[in-house]
Amino acid sequence: MDKIDKINRIVFPARYKEDARICFFVNAVLVSLVLQGVMKHHVIGAIIPHSAIDAVLFVFLFFTLIFTIYPVLKRSLSFFVVMEGIWVIVYLVSLIQGHANTALLFEMFVWTTCVFVPVLVYVFSIKDKQVFYDSLLKASYIMSLSAFLLFLSPADRDVVYNMLFSYALLIPVLIHFNEWVRTRKKRMLLLSIAETILIVMYGSRGTLLGIGVFFIMRFLYLDMKISGKFVLLFVSVLAGAVVAIFWVPIGEFVLAQLAQRDISNRTLELLFGFHEERGIFYLAGRGEIHDYYIDLINRRPIFGSGVAGGWPERGGHPHNLALDLIVSFGFIAGIAILIAITILFIRSLRTKGAYHDLVLMFFSSAIPVLMVSGSFLRHQHFWVFMGLIMLLPKKGVAVQ
């Protein structure tokens, strides 16, 4: 935090208190995602029904929303009303179209209008993004602690795969690595490595994709001379080559160590190529899912099938952001939304400071992941990312 920012916080204390209040709800949503994944696979999940866990977290978030909404309405009332109105219309149109399960559509409507749209507007309303970054860093420690509790006492040690948990832990990994790049604090690097190992043990390949994208983008925007970047790139390539040479022995050793502890892991088996002749690019049935939704697009190319339209079940979304948008809104509107997101993202990269770091983190934790898994309707990181890039900051500024 520079001297100017410290002075601003002294001169305008009320504004920063309001920013902290707004950030509390956003971080509560992000922490609840981790808790949801942890509790369902922790010993607690074996006692309490999963639907009850979802209900308790929703009630908690709703009351948190009520407690923190005043400064948001004061700053962004028109934007809040417009965004809520747009999504109410979207769900009404989807209901009229009749291509979605009514109960599922209502559930999605409640979460979208009461949690996800508010998240977008809240992030948009934060005036000092450094406050958001600092509060997110503090919240990340809660996320990490919760994740390690799952490692210590899972409900079932024979099943080591939790997609929701791994996606939730993605932000802690990215912000801790980013802090190491910024401050060179070794504990941040060690923490991010430990969290990455936890994701590999319990999570999915899509999360690793998000981590990889962030590492590449963070490298491109490193504040160092070109010669230094070339040296770092050379060392990284050399280290990667050594790992590639010993890839199979490394895989055999790691899997053998886990097997001695009665731990089986699909992600590692796929990563090292030891999973029933399937490699890291195994689609896990997504090819058939994509074919199904491409057929839906061909049948309803103009207006689409509506939100959650054609979903055969609660988790039966397209597992691809482009397909998800086109199925929901039609080919023309879906492509237009993708182009708009791309333009806003590129524009946001022209900035610097905490805002720039936040954009990189939430882009990496949302867009690459959504291209291979999940739905934007259920992805908290996507809504935070949209709230960030809709700010339309000026070129080269450190957004306050």
Foldseek 3Di string as FASTA:
>chain_A
DDPVVVVVCVVCVVLLVLLLLLLVLLLLVLLLLLVLLLCCFFLNVVVDPSVVSVVVSLVVSLVSCVVNVVLLCVQPVVVLVVLLVVLVVLLVVLVVLPQADPVLSVVLNCCCNRRLSSSLSSLLRNQDLVSNLVVNQVSLVSSLVSLVSCVVGTNDQLDQEGASNLLSNLLSLLSLVVVCLVPVDVVSVVSSVVSVVSCLRRYAVLSVQLVVQLVVVCLVPRPDDPVVSVVVVVVVVVVVVVCVVCLLVVLVVVQVVCVVVNHDGPSSCQDSCNDPNHHNPDLVCLVVLQVVLVVQCVVPQAQANAQNRPQPDSQRANLAALSNQCNHGHNVRSVVVVVVLVVLLVQQCQEDDSLNSLLSSLCSSPHSSSHGGDYCSPDSSNSSNSSSSVNRDDGHYHRD
